[in-house]
């Protein structure tokens, strides 16, 4: 078996909390250009008339990335990375790292875990993470969405400046802009992503199809990524449009969704689907494999320190 072997002692809540945040940051480093391309494709068309929609700037995942590199330089693919890593360290630690603990709370420690308990745990940690880390998500999306502007035309020149500018111009509410659609999105994402991964992994292990190692984690992660993309894309597009919008453009997330449907049709809700899947699929693979290995590695370190005392 490749990687660390499972330890006899299950990982502690602290190990899971730290491991989840770290694994998510590593996954972001690998997949951030795909996420930036997804954001550009999702916001494309919101300021255009129907006649202008035929002459779109970005087409396809790799076409978008190539256009960005050509017009804005390679660094544009990682615009907002600092805020993205801040988001993952605070966000994933809660929504993924606390998932097992919350699941055990709802099942009262029972070995039999129903789908309902898994869904409830996923919704809970997803909502908790958004309430805690929403400002980092707003700043990340704003950086990814801005074009290659300079001087007074540039929206934000640094992460800290972005937090200050948003708070000054839009108030504290601006930093939590889009919280409700983001809670909806992350309840859906967490339920689909974590519960699907959980179920696929359990199915593979219980039926003896795979052992608890990298092939099992890979298969579970890619399945979770696809299911999550299909279910969460519409909410994700609305969230991105709403958080990136100028003050007063949309009255609410619902108004944003209605405007999108009226102006661009139902397909607008699946804009950026391919980069979303490429990003979520690859992100899930890197994150879950890293997370599983980090949990084991951290427990090995913890147990070896305890045994040496």
Protein backbone atom coordinates (compact mmCIF):
# COMPACT_ATOMS: atom_id res chain seq x y z
CA UNK A 1 0.00 0.00 0.00
CA UNK A 2 1.25 3.47 -0.90
CA UNK A 3 1.27 6.13 1.83
CA UNK A 4 0.78 5.93 5.57
CA UNK A 5 -1.04 2.93 7.04
CA UNK A 6 -4.16 3.55 9.15
CA UNK A 7 -3.32 3.89 12.85
CA UNK A 8 -4.98 1.74 15.51
CA UNK A 9 -6.13 4.91 17.26
CA UNK A 10 -8.60 7.05 15.24
CA UNK A 11 -7.58 10.67 14.49
CA UNK A 12 -8.57 13.23 17.09
CA UNK A 13 -10.82 16.21 16.32
CA UNK A 14 -7.79 18.52 16.48
CA UNK A 15 -5.87 16.41 13.98
CA UNK A 16 -8.85 16.44 11.61
CA UNK A 17 -9.32 20.21 12.03
CA UNK A 18 -5.67 21.04 11.23
CA UNK A 19 -5.38 18.35 8.56
CA UNK A 20 -8.49 19.51 6.68
CA UNK A 21 -7.36 23.15 6.49
CA UNK A 22 -3.84 22.20 5.41
CA UNK A 23 -5.06 19.69 2.80
CA UNK A 24 -7.49 22.26 1.37
CA UNK A 25 -4.70 24.84 1.01
CA UNK A 26 -2.51 22.31 -0.82
CA UNK A 27 -5.43 21.45 -3.12
CA UNK A 28 -6.01 25.17 -3.82
CA UNK A 29 -2.37 25.66 -4.84
CA UNK A 30 -2.81 23.00 -7.54
CA UNK A 31 -6.28 23.98 -8.78
CA UNK A 32 -6.54 27.76 -8.32
CA UNK A 33 -6.15 28.63 -12.05
CA UNK A 34 -9.19 26.45 -12.81
CA UNK A 35 -11.16 28.24 -10.11
CA UNK A 36 -10.20 31.65 -11.53
CA UNK A 37 -11.25 30.54 -15.02
CA UNK A 38 -14.56 29.33 -13.57
CA UNK A 39 -15.22 32.73 -11.95
CA UNK A 40 -14.43 34.61 -15.19
CA UNK A 41 -16.81 32.38 -17.17
CA UNK A 42 -19.55 32.70 -14.55
CA UNK A 43 -19.57 36.51 -14.49
CA UNK A 44 -19.21 36.80 -18.26
CA UNK A 45 -22.30 38.29 -19.82
CA UNK A 46 -23.78 39.99 -16.77
CA UNK A 47 -23.01 43.47 -18.17
CA UNK A 48 -23.68 42.69 -21.83
CA UNK A 49 -26.75 43.13 -23.98
CA UNK A 50 -28.27 40.21 -25.89
CA UNK A 51 -26.57 41.41 -29.09
CA UNK A 52 -23.16 41.51 -27.40
CA UNK A 53 -23.52 37.97 -26.02
CA UNK A 54 -22.40 36.50 -29.37
CA UNK A 55 -18.96 38.13 -29.04
CA UNK A 56 -17.77 36.70 -25.74
CA UNK A 57 -14.24 37.25 -24.49
CA UNK A 58 -13.82 33.86 -22.81
CA UNK A 59 -14.64 30.51 -24.38
CA UNK A 60 -13.98 27.22 -22.62
CA UNK A 61 -11.75 26.38 -19.69
CA UNK A 62 -8.38 26.38 -21.36
CA UNK A 63 -9.38 29.13 -23.79
CA UNK A 64 -10.18 31.34 -20.80
CA UNK A 65 -6.86 30.55 -19.15
CA UNK A 66 -4.97 31.18 -22.41
CA UNK A 67 -6.76 34.53 -22.92
CA UNK A 68 -5.95 35.58 -19.36
CA UNK A 69 -2.27 34.68 -19.72
CA UNK A 70 -2.06 36.49 -23.06
CA UNK A 71 -3.84 39.68 -21.93
CA UNK A 72 -2.94 39.83 -18.24
CA UNK A 73 0.10 37.60 -17.72
CA UNK A 74 0.46 34.24 -15.91
CA UNK A 75 0.07 35.83 -12.47
CA UNK A 76 -3.57 36.64 -13.27
CA UNK A 77 -4.39 32.93 -12.91
CA UNK A 78 -3.47 33.20 -9.22
CA UNK A 79 -5.17 36.54 -8.56
CA UNK A 80 -6.76 36.29 -5.11
CA UNK A 81 -4.63 33.31 -4.02
CA UNK A 82 -3.79 34.84 -0.62
CA UNK A 83 -7.47 35.36 0.18
CA UNK A 84 -8.15 31.89 -1.22
CA UNK A 85 -5.66 30.27 1.15
CA UNK A 86 -7.03 32.31 4.06
CA UNK A 87 -10.47 31.08 3.10
CA UNK A 88 -9.48 27.44 2.91
CA UNK A 89 -7.54 27.43 6.18
CA UNK A 90 -10.52 28.85 8.07
CA UNK A 91 -13.30 27.41 5.92
CA UNK A 92 -12.24 23.81 5.25
CA UNK A 93 -11.04 23.35 8.82
CA UNK A 94 -14.64 23.86 9.95
CA UNK A 95 -16.72 22.28 7.18
CA UNK A 96 -14.51 19.21 6.63
CA UNK A 97 -12.49 18.96 9.84
CA UNK A 98 -15.53 19.09 12.13
CA UNK A 99 -17.78 16.91 9.94
CA UNK A 100 -17.03 13.62 11.74
CA UNK A 101 -17.40 15.21 15.18
CA UNK A 102 -20.78 16.77 14.29
CA UNK A 103 -21.89 13.49 12.69
CA UNK A 104 -21.06 11.63 15.91
CA UNK A 105 -22.97 14.30 17.87
CA UNK A 106 -26.13 13.75 15.82
CA UNK A 107 -25.84 9.94 16.02
CA UNK A 108 -24.87 10.07 19.74
CA UNK A 109 -21.82 7.92 19.05
CA UNK A 110 -23.75 5.11 17.35
CA UNK A 111 -21.85 2.98 14.83
CA UNK A 112 -24.88 2.99 12.54
CA UNK A 113 -24.90 6.32 10.69
CA UNK A 114 -27.94 7.08 8.54
CA UNK A 115 -27.89 9.22 5.40
CA UNK A 116 -30.06 11.74 7.25
CA UNK A 117 -27.45 12.16 9.98
CA UNK A 118 -24.71 12.60 7.37
CA UNK A 119 -26.75 15.21 5.50
CA UNK A 120 -27.54 17.06 8.71
CA UNK A 121 -23.87 17.08 9.73
CA UNK A 122 -22.81 18.33 6.28
CA UNK A 123 -25.39 21.14 6.35
CA UNK A 124 -24.37 22.17 9.86
CA UNK A 125 -20.62 22.40 9.27
CA UNK A 126 -21.15 24.04 5.87
CA UNK A 127 -23.30 26.79 7.40
CA UNK A 128 -20.87 27.26 10.32
CA UNK A 129 -17.94 27.66 7.91
CA UNK A 130 -19.70 30.31 5.82
CA UNK A 131 -20.72 32.35 8.86
CA UNK A 132 -17.09 32.32 10.00
CA UNK A 133 -15.14 32.72 6.74
CA UNK A 134 -17.44 34.64 4.35
CA UNK A 135 -15.24 37.80 4.13
CA UNK A 136 -12.33 35.75 2.76
CA UNK A 137 -14.62 34.33 0.05
CA UNK A 138 -15.87 37.79 -0.96
CA UNK A 139 -12.31 39.12 -1.34
CA UNK A 140 -11.19 36.01 -3.25
CA UNK A 141 -14.03 36.32 -5.77
CA UNK A 142 -13.45 40.07 -6.22
CA UNK A 143 -9.75 39.50 -6.99
CA UNK A 144 -10.46 36.66 -9.42
CA UNK A 145 -13.10 38.66 -11.23
CA UNK A 146 -11.19 41.91 -11.76
CA UNK A 147 -9.50 42.36 -15.11
CA UNK A 148 -5.91 43.45 -15.60
CA UNK A 149 -6.33 47.03 -14.46
CA UNK A 150 -3.69 49.32 -13.00
CA UNK A 151 -3.45 52.57 -11.10
CA UNK A 152 -6.72 54.26 -10.11
CA UNK A 153 -8.73 51.91 -12.33
CA UNK A 154 -7.73 48.82 -10.40
CA UNK A 155 -10.41 47.72 -7.95
CA UNK A 156 -8.05 46.37 -5.28
CA UNK A 157 -4.24 46.27 -5.09
CA UNK A 158 -3.82 43.95 -2.12
CA UNK A 159 -5.71 41.57 0.14
CA UNK A 160 -5.64 43.74 3.27
CA UNK A 161 -6.57 46.81 1.21
CA UNK A 162 -9.52 44.87 -0.23
CA UNK A 163 -10.88 44.06 3.24
CA UNK A 164 -10.50 47.70 4.32
CA UNK A 165 -11.97 49.14 1.09
CA UNK A 166 -15.01 46.86 1.15
CA UNK A 167 -15.67 47.62 4.83
CA UNK A 168 -15.28 51.38 4.21
CA UNK A 169 -17.36 51.63 1.01
CA UNK A 170 -19.98 48.95 1.67
CA UNK A 171 -19.89 48.59 5.45
CA UNK A 172 -19.37 45.37 7.38
CA UNK A 173 -22.35 43.95 5.51
CA UNK A 174 -20.25 44.17 2.35
CA UNK A 175 -17.77 41.66 3.77
CA UNK A 176 -20.64 39.24 4.40
CA UNK A 177 -22.29 39.96 1.06
CA UNK A 178 -23.88 36.87 -0.42
CA UNK A 179 -23.89 35.00 2.89
CA UNK A 180 -27.34 33.48 2.38
CA UNK A 181 -26.68 32.11 -1.15
CA UNK A 182 -23.27 30.96 0.07
CA UNK A 183 -24.85 29.13 3.02
CA UNK A 184 -27.26 27.51 0.56
CA UNK A 185 -24.41 26.62 -1.77
CA UNK A 186 -22.18 25.23 0.95
CA UNK A 187 -24.97 23.27 2.58
CA UNK A 188 -25.47 21.66 -0.84
CA UNK A 189 -21.74 21.31 -1.53
CA UNK A 190 -20.96 19.90 1.90
CA UNK A 191 -23.88 17.47 1.84
CA UNK A 192 -23.05 16.28 -1.66
CA UNK A 193 -19.25 16.34 -1.40
CA UNK A 194 -18.70 14.89 2.07
CA UNK A 195 -21.71 12.57 2.17
CA UNK A 196 -21.02 11.21 -1.34
CA UNK A 197 -17.36 10.67 -0.47
CA UNK A 198 -18.41 9.04 2.81
CA UNK A 199 -20.94 6.73 1.13
CA UNK A 200 -18.74 5.73 -1.82
CA UNK A 201 -15.82 5.01 0.50
CA UNK A 202 -17.98 2.95 2.87
CA UNK A 203 -19.47 1.04 -0.09
CA UNK A 204 -16.04 0.20 -1.51
CA UNK A 205 -14.70 -0.92 1.86
CA UNK A 206 -17.73 -2.90 3.05
CA UNK A 207 -18.00 -4.82 -0.24
CA UNK A 208 -14.28 -5.56 -0.29
CA UNK A 209 -13.82 -3.82 -3.64
CA UNK A 210 -10.90 -1.76 -2.36
CA UNK A 211 -8.93 -1.39 0.83
CA UNK A 212 -8.56 1.87 2.76
CA UNK A 213 -5.76 3.30 0.60
CA UNK A 214 -5.08 5.70 -2.28
CA UNK A 215 -7.20 3.98 -5.03
CA UNK A 216 -10.19 3.98 -2.68
CA UNK A 217 -9.69 7.64 -1.76
CA UNK A 218 -9.18 8.59 -5.44
CA UNK A 219 -12.36 6.81 -6.60
CA UNK A 220 -14.45 8.29 -3.78
CA UNK A 221 -13.09 11.81 -4.42
CA UNK A 222 -13.74 11.86 -8.19
CA UNK A 223 -17.31 10.59 -7.65
CA UNK A 224 -17.91 13.23 -4.99
CA UNK A 225 -16.53 15.97 -7.26
CA UNK A 226 -18.83 15.11 -10.18
CA UNK A 227 -21.98 14.84 -8.07
CA UNK A 228 -21.19 18.11 -6.31
CA UNK A 229 -20.64 20.01 -9.57
CA UNK A 230 -23.95 18.87 -11.06
CA UNK A 231 -25.99 19.79 -8.00
CA UNK A 232 -24.19 22.93 -6.82
CA UNK A 233 -23.40 24.77 -10.09
CA UNK A 234 -26.59 26.91 -10.27
CA UNK A 235 -26.19 28.19 -6.70
CA UNK A 236 -22.45 28.69 -7.25
CA UNK A 237 -23.01 30.91 -10.31
CA UNK A 238 -25.58 33.06 -8.48
CA UNK A 239 -23.24 33.34 -5.48
CA UNK A 240 -20.33 34.45 -7.67
CA UNK A 241 -22.39 37.02 -9.61
CA UNK A 242 -23.94 38.46 -6.46
CA UNK A 243 -20.73 38.72 -4.42
CA UNK A 244 -18.88 40.35 -7.34
CA UNK A 245 -21.65 42.85 -8.15
CA UNK A 246 -21.38 46.59 -7.49
CA UNK A 247 -23.58 47.99 -4.68
CA UNK A 248 -27.19 48.32 -5.83
CA UNK A 249 -26.86 46.15 -8.95
CA UNK A 250 -29.01 43.39 -7.48
CA UNK A 251 -31.55 43.77 -4.68
CA UNK A 252 -30.92 40.24 -3.42
CA UNK A 253 -29.51 36.87 -4.43
CA UNK A 254 -32.99 35.90 -5.64
CA UNK A 255 -33.16 39.06 -7.78
CA UNK A 256 -29.75 38.15 -9.21
CA UNK A 257 -31.03 34.67 -10.13
CA UNK A 258 -34.20 36.04 -11.74
CA UNK A 259 -32.20 38.66 -13.70
CA UNK A 260 -29.83 35.97 -14.96
CA UNK A 261 -32.68 33.73 -16.08
CA UNK A 262 -34.56 36.58 -17.77
CA UNK A 263 -31.54 38.01 -19.55
CA UNK A 264 -29.45 34.93 -20.32
CA UNK A 265 -31.75 31.91 -19.98
CA UNK A 266 -31.45 28.72 -17.96
CA UNK A 267 -28.06 27.78 -19.38
CA UNK A 268 -26.54 30.76 -17.52
CA UNK A 269 -26.82 28.76 -14.30
CA UNK A 270 -24.36 26.22 -15.70
CA UNK A 271 -21.82 28.73 -16.99
CA UNK A 272 -18.34 27.55 -16.18
CA UNK A 273 -19.57 23.96 -15.62
CA UNK A 274 -16.51 22.33 -17.20
CA UNK A 275 -13.97 24.35 -15.18
CA UNK A 276 -16.16 23.77 -12.14
CA UNK A 277 -15.98 20.02 -12.65
CA UNK A 278 -12.29 20.05 -13.54
CA UNK A 279 -11.63 22.19 -10.49
CA UNK A 280 -13.89 20.31 -8.06
CA UNK A 281 -12.83 16.91 -9.38
CA UNK A 282 -9.12 17.67 -9.17
CA UNK A 283 -9.58 19.63 -5.92
CA UNK A 284 -11.41 16.71 -4.33
CA UNK A 285 -8.74 14.25 -5.43
CA UNK A 286 -5.85 16.33 -4.07
CA UNK A 287 -7.70 17.41 -0.92
CA UNK A 288 -9.12 14.04 0.17
CA UNK A 289 -5.95 12.07 -0.59
CA UNK A 290 -3.85 14.68 1.23
CA UNK A 291 -6.35 14.86 4.09
CA UNK A 292 -6.40 11.08 4.58
CA UNK A 293 -2.59 10.97 4.57
CA UNK A 294 -2.21 13.99 6.86
CA UNK A 295 -4.60 12.49 9.42
CA UNK A 296 -2.47 9.36 9.54
CA UNK A 297 0.85 11.22 9.52
CA UNK A 298 -0.23 13.58 12.31
CA UNK A 299 -1.48 10.67 14.40
CA UNK A 300 1.83 8.82 13.90
CA UNK A 301 3.69 11.92 15.15
CA UNK A 302 1.26 12.36 18.05
CA UNK A 303 1.47 8.70 19.14
CA UNK A 304 5.27 8.59 18.81
CA UNK A 305 5.58 11.69 21.02
CA UNK A 306 3.26 10.19 23.63
CA UNK A 307 5.16 6.88 23.65
CA UNK A 308 8.47 8.69 24.17
CA UNK A 309 7.22 10.48 27.30
